[in-house]
Amino acid sequence: MIPSILPTYNRAPLSFTSGEGAWLTEADGRRFLDLGAGIAVNVLGHAHPALVEALTRQAQDLWHVSNLYRIPQQQALADRLVENSFADTVFFTNSGTESCELAIKMARRYWHDRGRPERTGIIAFEGAFHGRSSAGIAAAGGEKLTRGFAPLLPGFVHVPWGDLEAVEAAISDTTGAIILEPIQGEGGIRPLPDADLRALRKLCDERDLLLILDEVQCGMGRTGRLFAHEWAGIAPDIMMIAKGIGGGFPLGAVLATERAAAAMTAGSHGSTYGGNPLACAVGCAVMDHVANPDFLAEVGRKAGLMRQKLEALVAAHPDIFETVRGSGLMLGLKCRLPAADVVAAGHDNLVLTVPAGDNVVRLLPPLTITEDEIAEGIDRLDRAAARLESS
């Protein structure tokens, strides 16, 4: 008999009842150090006082009104995002998946409005993850995501990760855009070098293509800059964000230049819940922290400390771990044993991590994690590795 919750997840036998900062408390009272942060969502940790206060205050006034009306909290958050990014305009969604849908629609509408409706093609990279909607799985293209869901949305061409020659060869008269994550998350914490990102921006400019960046996982301060592409000194035309922008409250957005978004006129897109007062009040509180240069500098400093400790962990357990990769507090341990075994061993030692592709364990802690908590987390991973070595 099928369970009441559709069984699309292989859930760990853990049930958390409360959280504070980088810690989660299980129903049996055990305290786990959370190095996953809800898969890069809880950027300010669990039950951050500023987020609790923003949500509580807004909930007492107004939860939801339709986008048929002006929403002051939405306007305030849009202004903050425009002020702190390349973008001229913002559309709010409830998730990264919805942001992907709009990004693809926006790119295709752009070319339709310019009298080139045949330019529907979008070049994407193998190993990508852009959500689980029909457009998202077609953009990613991986067999694990697409099997059983044909026919897929047409128009996507997939090239090997980081192969710029393959990108250039894939461009045709029907190509309209390139889409990618500056750091692949689900694909195994695979950063694209800054030089390659600059080359892609240059290629888009030369061939008159839109550049769409998916910063759902790597954005919102996770790399030590508000957005990961800033390290390369470039700007996209369209960008998807979600996860960290709500700090745990469902919220996403598409940011775009005026040129890229001009064709999205009244009636071309919509959302019932996207950008409602509750979500945007929390989003503004998140921005108060993650857009602060001092906060971002601390993320970078703690990221350096965490990477140093992880390098030592790999050196101490060469039969378990192969290497460390990633940027900022978006780090991955490439494993020699199945990554799922490492995650499970972590559960036994009260530390939470996240599996990814390419046999990688993701470490995506709250950006507010302390030095002592970083040390404690690595110590627990060390004990987990030692247990796997002795088993």
Protein backbone atom coordinates (compact mmCIF):
# COMPACT_ATOMS: atom_id res chain seq x y z
CA MET A 1 0.00 0.00 0.00
CA ILE A 2 1.35 3.40 -0.93
CA PRO A 3 2.06 5.65 2.09
CA SER A 4 0.15 8.85 2.71
CA ILE A 5 3.27 10.85 1.74
CA LEU A 6 4.24 10.09 -1.86
CA PRO A 7 7.48 8.07 -1.54
CA THR A 8 9.72 10.14 -3.81
CA TYR A 9 12.43 10.53 -1.13
CA ASN A 10 14.59 7.92 0.58
CA ARG A 11 14.31 9.63 3.93
CA ALA A 12 16.77 9.09 6.76
CA PRO A 13 15.16 7.78 9.99
CA LEU A 14 15.46 11.18 11.67
CA SER A 15 12.69 13.52 12.84
CA PHE A 16 13.77 16.96 14.01
CA THR A 17 11.57 18.91 16.37
CA SER A 18 13.50 22.14 16.90
CA GLY A 19 16.59 24.00 15.82
CA GLU A 20 18.84 26.83 16.88
CA GLY A 21 21.71 28.23 14.83
CA ALA A 22 23.67 25.35 13.34
CA TRP A 23 21.98 22.73 15.57
CA LEU A 24 18.93 20.51 15.15
CA THR A 25 17.29 18.52 17.94
CA GLU A 26 15.88 15.09 17.11
CA ALA A 27 12.65 13.82 18.62
CA ASP A 28 14.65 11.57 20.97
CA GLY A 29 16.67 14.54 22.28
CA ARG A 30 19.91 14.05 20.34
CA ARG A 31 21.49 17.25 19.01
CA PHE A 32 22.87 17.17 15.46
CA LEU A 33 25.31 19.67 13.97
CA ASP A 34 23.73 20.71 10.69
CA LEU A 35 26.27 21.07 7.87
CA GLY A 36 23.54 20.88 5.24
CA ALA A 37 21.31 23.83 6.22
CA GLY A 38 18.30 22.39 4.43
CA ILE A 39 20.43 22.12 1.26
CA ALA A 40 21.85 25.66 1.39
CA VAL A 41 18.55 27.19 2.54
CA ASN A 42 19.04 28.17 6.19
CA VAL A 43 21.76 30.72 5.52
CA LEU A 44 21.25 32.37 8.93
CA GLY A 45 20.77 29.06 10.71
CA HIS A 46 17.67 27.78 12.46
CA ALA A 47 15.31 30.11 14.34
CA HIS A 48 17.42 33.21 13.74
CA PRO A 49 15.94 35.95 15.96
CA ALA A 50 15.78 38.53 13.15
CA LEU A 51 13.85 36.16 10.88
CA VAL A 52 11.53 35.05 13.67
CA GLU A 53 10.83 38.70 14.51
CA ALA A 54 10.23 39.69 10.87
CA LEU A 55 7.89 36.78 10.25
CA THR A 56 5.98 37.24 13.50
CA ARG A 57 5.57 40.98 13.03
CA GLN A 58 4.33 40.60 9.45
CA ALA A 59 2.03 37.69 10.33
CA GLN A 60 0.24 39.91 12.83
CA ASP A 61 -0.51 42.46 10.11
CA LEU A 62 -1.04 40.73 6.77
CA TRP A 63 -0.18 37.28 5.41
CA HIS A 64 -1.26 37.38 1.81
CA VAL A 65 -2.76 39.60 -0.85
CA SER A 66 -2.86 39.02 -4.56
CA ASN A 67 -0.31 40.43 -6.97
CA LEU A 68 -3.28 42.30 -8.39
CA TYR A 69 -2.30 44.92 -5.80
CA ARG A 70 0.89 46.67 -4.81
CA ILE A 71 2.79 44.91 -2.03
CA PRO A 72 5.14 47.26 -0.12
CA GLN A 73 7.28 44.42 1.28
CA GLN A 74 7.77 43.09 -2.26
CA GLN A 75 8.79 46.49 -3.52
CA ALA A 76 11.27 46.90 -0.67
CA LEU A 77 12.91 43.53 -1.38
CA ALA A 78 13.02 44.14 -5.13
CA ASP A 79 14.70 47.49 -4.52
CA ARG A 80 17.29 45.82 -2.28
CA LEU A 81 18.08 43.15 -4.86
CA VAL A 82 18.38 45.64 -7.70
CA GLU A 83 20.59 47.88 -5.57
CA ASN A 84 22.92 44.97 -4.78
CA SER A 85 23.09 43.24 -8.17
CA PHE A 86 23.35 43.66 -11.93
CA ALA A 87 19.57 43.55 -12.26
CA ASP A 88 17.11 46.24 -13.27
CA THR A 89 14.00 44.25 -12.37
CA VAL A 90 12.86 41.29 -10.25
CA PHE A 91 10.00 38.79 -10.36
CA PHE A 92 9.31 36.82 -7.17
CA THR A 93 8.55 33.11 -7.11
CA ASN A 94 8.16 30.46 -4.41
CA SER A 95 11.08 28.22 -5.40
CA GLY A 96 14.10 27.69 -7.61
CA THR A 97 12.05 25.46 -9.88
CA GLU A 98 9.59 28.27 -10.55
CA SER A 99 12.50 30.65 -11.14
CA CYS A 100 13.83 28.27 -13.78
CA GLU A 101 10.47 28.20 -15.52
CA LEU A 102 10.38 31.98 -15.78
CA ALA A 103 14.03 32.29 -16.82
CA ILE A 104 13.41 29.98 -19.78
CA LYS A 105 10.14 31.71 -20.68
CA MET A 106 11.85 35.10 -20.48
CA ALA A 107 14.67 34.05 -22.80
CA ARG A 108 12.29 32.67 -25.39
CA ARG A 109 9.92 35.64 -25.14
CA TYR A 110 12.92 37.94 -25.64
CA TRP A 111 13.65 36.46 -29.06
CA HIS A 112 9.99 36.26 -30.03
CA ASP A 113 9.61 39.96 -29.28
CA ARG A 114 12.66 40.72 -31.44
CA GLY A 115 11.16 38.95 -34.43
CA ARG A 116 13.36 35.86 -34.13
CA PRO A 117 10.95 33.25 -32.73
CA GLU A 118 13.07 30.41 -34.07
CA ARG A 119 15.80 31.18 -31.52
CA THR A 120 14.38 28.89 -28.86
CA GLY A 121 17.52 26.81 -28.40
CA ILE A 122 19.29 26.85 -25.04
CA ILE A 123 22.71 25.31 -24.42
CA ALA A 124 23.05 23.62 -21.02
CA PHE A 125 25.70 21.55 -19.27
CA GLU A 126 25.81 17.89 -18.36
CA GLY A 127 25.57 17.33 -14.61
CA ALA A 128 23.35 20.39 -14.14
CA PHE A 129 20.33 20.64 -11.88
CA HIS A 130 17.67 23.27 -12.54
CA GLY A 131 14.73 21.91 -10.56
CA ARG A 132 12.21 19.16 -11.23
CA SER A 133 9.61 20.82 -13.43
CA SER A 134 9.24 19.81 -17.08
CA ALA A 135 11.44 22.73 -18.14
CA GLY A 136 13.94 22.12 -15.35
CA ILE A 137 14.55 18.46 -16.13
CA ALA A 138 14.76 19.18 -19.85
CA ALA A 139 17.38 21.84 -19.14
CA ALA A 140 19.40 19.46 -16.96
CA GLY A 141 18.95 16.50 -19.26
CA GLY A 142 20.29 13.81 -16.93
CA GLU A 143 18.78 10.36 -17.30
CA LYS A 144 18.08 10.13 -13.57
CA LEU A 145 15.87 13.22 -13.80
CA THR A 146 14.23 12.63 -17.16
CA ARG A 147 13.57 8.86 -17.27
CA GLY A 148 9.86 8.15 -17.60
CA PHE A 149 8.85 11.77 -18.22
CA ALA A 150 8.98 11.95 -22.02
CA PRO A 151 8.27 13.81 -24.17
CA LEU A 152 10.62 16.45 -22.81
CA LEU A 153 10.36 20.16 -23.53
CA PRO A 154 12.38 20.55 -26.73
CA GLY A 155 15.13 23.03 -27.54
CA PHE A 156 17.93 22.07 -25.13
CA VAL A 157 21.42 21.00 -26.20
CA HIS A 158 23.72 19.51 -23.56
CA VAL A 159 27.50 19.77 -23.61
CA PRO A 160 30.17 18.41 -21.23
CA TRP A 161 30.74 20.49 -18.10
CA GLY A 162 33.32 23.19 -18.69
CA ASP A 163 33.92 22.32 -22.35
CA LEU A 164 33.87 25.75 -23.97
CA GLU A 165 34.81 24.40 -27.38
CA ALA A 166 31.73 22.18 -27.24
CA VAL A 167 29.62 25.21 -26.30
CA GLU A 168 30.84 27.17 -29.29
CA ALA A 169 30.33 24.20 -31.61
CA ALA A 170 26.75 23.79 -30.35
CA ILE A 171 25.70 27.34 -31.24
CA SER A 172 23.41 27.50 -34.25
CA ASP A 173 21.02 29.93 -35.89
CA THR A 174 18.31 28.75 -33.51
CA THR A 175 20.33 29.21 -30.30
CA GLY A 176 19.05 31.93 -28.00
CA ALA A 177 20.77 31.42 -24.64
CA ILE A 178 23.24 29.54 -22.47
CA ILE A 179 22.21 28.38 -18.99
CA LEU A 180 24.50 27.20 -16.20
CA GLU A 181 25.25 27.11 -12.49
CA PRO A 182 28.52 28.92 -11.66
CA ILE A 183 29.02 26.05 -9.20
CA GLN A 184 27.14 22.84 -9.87
CA GLY A 185 25.52 21.74 -6.62
CA GLU A 186 23.61 18.51 -7.21
CA GLY A 187 26.22 17.69 -9.84
CA GLY A 188 28.91 17.37 -7.16
CA ILE A 189 30.16 20.83 -6.13
CA ARG A 190 31.88 21.56 -9.43
CA PRO A 191 32.90 25.23 -9.79
CA LEU A 192 33.38 26.72 -13.23
CA PRO A 193 36.70 28.61 -13.25
CA ASP A 194 36.33 32.39 -13.31
CA ALA A 195 38.23 32.56 -16.61
CA ASP A 196 35.70 30.18 -18.20
CA LEU A 197 32.76 32.21 -16.92
CA ARG A 198 34.32 35.33 -18.41
CA ALA A 199 34.84 33.46 -21.69
CA LEU A 200 31.18 32.44 -21.75
CA ARG A 201 30.08 36.02 -21.16
CA LYS A 202 32.33 37.15 -24.02
CA LEU A 203 30.96 34.41 -26.28
CA CYS A 204 27.38 35.44 -25.51
CA ASP A 205 28.21 39.04 -26.35
CA GLU A 206 29.92 38.08 -29.60
CA ARG A 207 27.17 35.71 -30.75
CA ASP A 208 24.24 37.77 -29.42
CA LEU A 209 23.08 35.20 -26.85
CA LEU A 210 21.50 35.62 -23.44
CA LEU A 211 23.45 34.31 -20.46
CA ILE A 212 21.23 32.71 -17.79
CA LEU A 213 22.84 31.91 -14.44
CA ASP A 214 21.31 29.55 -11.90
CA GLU A 215 22.44 30.78 -8.47
CA VAL A 216 19.71 29.01 -6.54
CA GLN A 217 22.30 27.09 -4.50
CA CYS A 218 25.52 29.09 -4.87
CA GLY A 219 24.00 32.55 -4.39
CA MET A 220 22.98 34.64 -1.37
CA GLY A 221 26.42 34.95 0.19
CA ARG A 222 27.43 31.29 0.11
CA THR A 223 30.73 31.93 -1.69
CA GLY A 224 31.66 35.06 0.25
CA ARG A 225 30.11 37.37 -2.36
CA LEU A 226 26.39 37.99 -2.57
CA PHE A 227 26.40 36.11 -5.88
CA ALA A 228 29.01 33.64 -7.09
CA HIS A 229 29.41 35.19 -10.54
CA GLU A 230 30.76 38.37 -8.95
CA TRP A 231 34.12 36.66 -8.42
CA ALA A 232 34.54 36.53 -12.22
CA GLY A 233 33.67 40.21 -12.65
CA ILE A 234 30.83 39.49 -15.08
CA ALA A 235 27.06 39.86 -15.07
CA PRO A 236 24.36 37.63 -16.55
CA ASP A 237 21.31 38.80 -18.44
CA ILE A 238 18.95 36.64 -16.39
CA MET A 239 19.55 34.98 -13.02
CA MET A 240 17.57 32.53 -10.91
CA ILE A 241 17.77 32.61 -7.11
CA ALA A 242 15.88 30.90 -4.28
CA LYS A 243 16.91 28.80 -1.25
CA GLY A 244 18.92 31.26 0.86
CA ILE A 245 16.92 34.37 -0.04
CA GLY A 246 14.12 33.20 2.26
CA GLY A 247 16.34 31.76 4.98
CA GLY A 248 13.92 28.83 5.27
CA PHE A 249 10.73 30.52 4.13
CA PRO A 250 9.72 29.52 0.57
CA LEU A 251 10.93 32.32 -1.68
CA GLY A 252 12.67 32.62 -5.03
CA ALA A 253 13.19 35.24 -7.70
CA VAL A 254 14.33 35.93 -11.22
CA LEU A 255 16.60 38.93 -11.63
CA ALA A 256 17.12 40.42 -15.08
CA THR A 257 18.36 43.37 -17.05
CA GLU A 258 15.83 45.71 -18.61
CA ARG A 259 16.88 44.48 -22.07
CA ALA A 260 16.30 40.81 -21.25
CA ALA A 261 13.01 41.38 -19.43
CA ALA A 262 11.39 44.04 -21.62
CA ALA A 263 9.12 41.56 -23.42
CA MET A 264 7.58 40.29 -20.16
CA THR A 265 4.59 42.59 -20.15
CA ALA A 266 1.32 42.42 -18.21
CA GLY A 267 -0.27 38.99 -18.51
CA SER A 268 2.87 37.21 -19.76
CA HIS A 269 3.59 35.59 -16.39
CA GLY A 270 2.14 35.43 -12.90
CA SER A 271 2.16 33.79 -9.48
CA THR A 272 -0.50 33.48 -6.80
CA TYR A 273 1.87 33.35 -3.84
CA GLY A 274 5.10 34.70 -5.30
CA GLY A 275 6.31 37.78 -3.45
CA ASN A 276 3.60 37.81 -0.81
CA PRO A 277 4.03 39.98 2.32
CA LEU A 278 5.20 37.14 4.60
CA ALA A 279 7.88 35.89 2.21
CA CYS A 280 9.19 39.32 1.34
CA ALA A 281 9.31 40.50 4.95
CA VAL A 282 11.59 37.54 5.70
CA GLY A 283 13.58 38.15 2.52
CA CYS A 284 14.26 41.73 3.57
CA ALA A 285 15.53 40.50 6.95
CA VAL A 286 17.83 38.02 5.19
CA MET A 287 19.19 40.81 2.99
CA ASP A 288 19.91 42.92 6.07
CA HIS A 289 22.58 40.33 6.91
CA VAL A 290 23.86 38.68 3.75
CA ALA A 291 24.25 41.91 1.75
CA ASN A 292 26.45 43.37 4.51
CA PRO A 293 30.12 43.49 3.38
CA ASP A 294 31.32 42.65 6.90
CA PHE A 295 29.07 39.57 6.99
CA LEU A 296 30.36 38.42 3.59
CA ALA A 297 33.95 38.95 4.70
CA GLU A 298 33.28 36.70 7.70
CA VAL A 299 31.85 34.04 5.38
CA GLY A 300 35.09 34.13 3.40
CA ARG A 301 37.23 33.91 6.51
CA LYS A 302 35.30 30.98 7.96
CA ALA A 303 35.29 29.28 4.55
CA GLY A 304 39.09 29.38 4.50
CA LEU A 305 39.24 27.83 7.97
CA MET A 306 36.75 25.11 7.06
CA ARG A 307 38.57 24.22 3.85
CA GLN A 308 41.88 24.00 5.69
CA LYS A 309 40.38 21.58 8.21
CA LEU A 310 38.76 19.55 5.45
CA GLU A 311 42.08 19.23 3.62
CA ALA A 312 43.55 17.83 6.83
CA LEU A 313 40.59 15.45 7.12
CA VAL A 314 41.21 14.13 3.60
CA ALA A 315 44.91 13.67 4.36
CA ALA A 316 44.06 11.74 7.54
CA HIS A 317 41.63 9.39 5.76
CA PRO A 318 42.92 8.76 2.22
CA ASP A 319 40.93 5.52 1.94
CA ILE A 320 37.68 7.39 2.57
CA PHE A 321 38.18 10.77 0.91
CA GLU A 322 39.85 11.79 -2.34
CA THR A 323 39.77 15.58 -2.41
CA VAL A 324 38.01 18.80 -1.35
CA ARG A 325 36.41 21.12 -3.86
CA GLY A 326 34.10 24.09 -3.98
CA SER A 327 34.08 27.74 -2.98
CA GLY A 328 33.20 29.63 0.17
CA LEU A 329 30.88 27.63 2.40
CA MET A 330 29.78 25.52 -0.57
CA LEU A 331 32.24 22.66 -0.23
CA GLY A 332 32.33 19.05 -1.29
CA LEU A 333 34.23 15.96 -0.20
CA LYS A 334 34.90 13.66 -3.15
CA CYS A 335 34.68 10.18 -1.63
CA ARG A 336 36.31 6.83 -2.40
CA LEU A 337 33.55 4.94 -0.59
CA PRO A 338 29.91 5.50 -1.60
CA ALA A 339 28.95 9.02 -0.53
CA ALA A 340 25.72 7.65 0.97
CA ASP A 341 27.80 5.55 3.39
CA VAL A 342 29.69 8.66 4.51
CA VAL A 343 26.44 10.57 5.04
CA ALA A 344 25.00 7.68 7.07
CA ALA A 345 28.16 7.40 9.17
CA GLY A 346 27.81 11.11 9.85
CA HIS A 347 24.28 10.52 11.15
CA ASP A 348 25.71 7.99 13.59
CA ASN A 349 28.08 10.70 14.80
CA LEU A 350 25.40 13.40 15.00
CA VAL A 351 26.49 15.48 12.00
CA LEU A 352 24.34 16.17 8.93
CA THR A 353 25.71 16.41 5.39
CA VAL A 354 24.11 16.18 1.94
CA PRO A 355 24.91 13.66 -0.83
CA ALA A 356 25.50 14.85 -4.39
CA GLY A 357 26.47 13.52 -7.79
CA ASP A 358 29.96 12.36 -8.70
CA ASN A 359 30.16 10.54 -5.34
CA VAL A 360 30.46 13.78 -3.40
CA VAL A 361 29.28 14.74 0.09
CA ARG A 362 28.15 18.36 0.24
CA LEU A 363 28.94 20.67 3.15
CA LEU A 364 26.57 23.66 3.07
CA PRO A 365 26.46 24.95 6.64
CA PRO A 366 24.61 28.03 7.82
CA LEU A 367 26.68 31.08 6.95
CA THR A 368 26.48 31.99 10.64
CA ILE A 369 28.35 28.86 11.75
CA THR A 370 31.06 29.63 14.32
CA GLU A 371 34.71 28.62 14.35
CA ASP A 372 34.05 26.25 17.25
CA GLU A 373 31.17 24.65 15.36
CA ILE A 374 33.35 24.21 12.28
CA ALA A 375 35.94 22.43 14.42
CA GLU A 376 33.25 20.29 16.04
CA GLY A 377 31.77 19.39 12.66
CA ILE A 378 35.13 18.28 11.25
CA ASP A 379 35.80 16.30 14.42
CA ARG A 380 32.51 14.45 14.00
CA LEU A 381 33.31 13.75 10.35
CA ASP A 382 36.71 12.48 11.45
CA ARG A 383 35.04 10.02 13.83
CA ALA A 384 32.64 8.96 11.09
CA ALA A 385 35.55 8.30 8.72
CA ALA A 386 37.43 6.34 11.38
CA ARG A 387 34.36 4.17 11.94
CA LEU A 388 34.10 3.46 8.22
CA GLU A 389 37.78 2.51 8.12
CA SER A 390 37.33 0.01 10.93
CA SER A 391 34.15 -1.55 9.55
